């Protein structure tokens, strides 16, 4: 079963659009009206919705890694540095993750893309 994704506020719309064209379930923080929440609350919101969050914000990634150490529960975070890949690479990797994994595999996990 595919996992649903949650897009942080700074993710380019082109990534969201391309994923939707590939039948990936994507919700953005703007669509959820959560775009003004601080990162910790946004991570909780994604967890409440049982979605893995995608971000390009280094501080957000550090927050999730801190939660891992503190053993706080969250539904997973995927990090892709803005200069680390192209939109196409991010779309390809996110589609693979969404379609080839289960939500329970992502609990308290931080992953980095693009895959190389």
Protein backbone atom coordinates (compact mmCIF):
# COMPACT_ATOMS: atom_id res chain seq x y z
CA UNK A 1 0.00 0.00 0.00
CA UNK A 2 1.34 3.43 -0.89
CA UNK A 3 2.25 5.91 1.82
CA UNK A 4 0.75 9.40 1.79
CA UNK A 5 3.16 12.34 1.75
CA UNK A 6 2.95 15.72 3.43
CA UNK A 7 4.82 18.62 1.83
CA UNK A 8 6.53 21.23 3.97
CA UNK A 9 5.83 24.87 3.11
CA UNK A 10 8.95 25.47 1.00
CA UNK A 11 8.59 22.55 -1.39
CA UNK A 12 8.27 23.65 -5.03
CA UNK A 13 4.76 23.19 -6.40
CA UNK A 14 6.27 21.40 -9.41
CA UNK A 15 7.25 18.47 -7.17
CA UNK A 16 3.74 18.19 -5.76
CA UNK A 17 2.16 18.46 -9.22
CA UNK A 18 4.40 15.79 -10.72
CA UNK A 19 3.78 13.39 -7.85
CA UNK A 20 0.04 13.81 -8.23
CA UNK A 21 0.33 13.07 -11.95
CA UNK A 22 2.00 9.82 -10.89
CA UNK A 23 -0.90 8.95 -8.54
CA UNK A 24 0.94 9.68 -5.30
CA UNK A 25 -1.23 10.90 -2.41
CA UNK A 26 0.19 14.33 -1.51
CA UNK A 27 -1.08 16.99 0.88
CA UNK A 28 0.67 20.34 1.27
CA UNK A 29 0.91 22.37 4.45
CA UNK A 30 -0.85 25.19 2.57
CA UNK A 31 -3.78 22.97 1.59
CA UNK A 32 -4.00 21.78 5.19
CA UNK A 33 -3.89 25.40 6.39
CA UNK A 34 -0.91 24.51 8.58
CA UNK A 35 1.70 26.57 6.72
CA UNK A 36 2.24 28.96 9.62
CA UNK A 37 2.87 26.27 12.22
CA UNK A 38 6.38 25.95 13.67
CA UNK A 39 8.30 22.86 12.61
CA UNK A 40 7.59 20.83 15.75
CA UNK A 41 3.85 21.34 15.39
CA UNK A 42 4.00 20.63 11.66
CA UNK A 43 5.78 17.33 12.38
CA UNK A 44 3.04 16.50 14.87
CA UNK A 45 0.37 17.45 12.32
CA UNK A 46 1.85 15.13 9.68
CA UNK A 47 1.97 12.38 12.30
CA UNK A 48 -1.68 12.96 13.24
CA UNK A 49 -2.55 12.57 9.56
CA UNK A 50 -0.38 9.44 9.28
CA UNK A 51 1.74 11.02 6.53
CA UNK A 52 5.49 11.14 5.95
CA UNK A 53 6.70 14.70 5.61
CA UNK A 54 9.06 15.91 2.89
CA UNK A 55 11.18 18.95 3.65
CA UNK A 56 14.16 20.82 2.30
CA UNK A 57 14.68 22.70 5.56
CA UNK A 58 17.87 21.67 7.37
CA UNK A 59 16.57 22.86 10.76
CA UNK A 60 13.47 20.72 10.29
CA UNK A 61 15.68 17.70 9.57
CA UNK A 62 17.71 18.40 12.72
CA UNK A 63 14.46 18.61 14.72
CA UNK A 64 13.39 15.17 13.49
CA UNK A 65 16.83 13.72 14.25
CA UNK A 66 16.59 15.18 17.76
CA UNK A 67 13.19 13.53 18.18
CA UNK A 68 14.76 10.23 17.15
CA UNK A 69 17.33 10.53 19.94
CA UNK A 70 14.65 11.59 22.43
CA UNK A 71 12.41 8.74 21.21
CA UNK A 72 9.50 11.07 20.41
CA UNK A 73 7.07 9.51 17.97
CA UNK A 74 6.67 10.91 14.47
CA UNK A 75 5.54 9.37 11.20
CA UNK A 76 8.79 9.89 9.30
CA UNK A 77 10.67 12.64 7.53
CA UNK A 78 12.33 12.72 4.13
CA UNK A 79 14.96 15.39 3.60
CA UNK A 80 16.19 16.63 0.23
CA UNK A 81 18.64 19.53 0.26
CA UNK A 82 17.57 22.25 -2.19
CA UNK A 83 20.94 22.10 -3.95
CA UNK A 84 21.24 18.33 -3.67
CA UNK A 85 19.11 17.29 -6.61
CA UNK A 86 16.79 18.29 -9.39
CA UNK A 87 13.02 18.42 -9.24
CA UNK A 88 12.98 15.30 -11.41
CA UNK A 89 15.26 13.42 -9.01
CA UNK A 90 13.15 14.37 -6.02
CA UNK A 91 9.96 13.33 -7.81
CA UNK A 92 11.41 9.98 -8.85
CA UNK A 93 12.70 9.17 -5.36
CA UNK A 94 9.53 10.31 -3.59
CA UNK A 95 7.38 8.27 -5.96
CA UNK A 96 9.51 5.19 -5.27
CA UNK A 97 9.28 5.73 -1.52
CA UNK A 98 5.53 6.32 -1.63
CA UNK A 99 4.75 3.29 -3.78
CA UNK A 100 7.25 0.79 -2.40
CA UNK A 101 7.02 1.21 1.36
CA UNK A 102 4.51 1.01 4.19
CA UNK A 103 3.75 3.79 6.67
CA UNK A 104 4.81 1.66 9.66
CA UNK A 105 8.30 1.37 8.12
CA UNK A 106 8.70 5.13 8.42
CA UNK A 107 7.94 5.63 12.11
CA UNK A 108 10.72 7.72 13.68
CA UNK A 109 12.79 7.55 10.49
CA UNK A 110 14.74 10.29 8.73
CA UNK A 111 15.84 9.60 5.16
CA UNK A 112 17.88 11.63 2.70
CA UNK A 113 17.18 11.98 -1.02
CA UNK A 114 18.06 12.01 -3.85
CA UNK A 115 19.29 8.43 -3.86
CA UNK A 116 22.63 8.23 -5.60
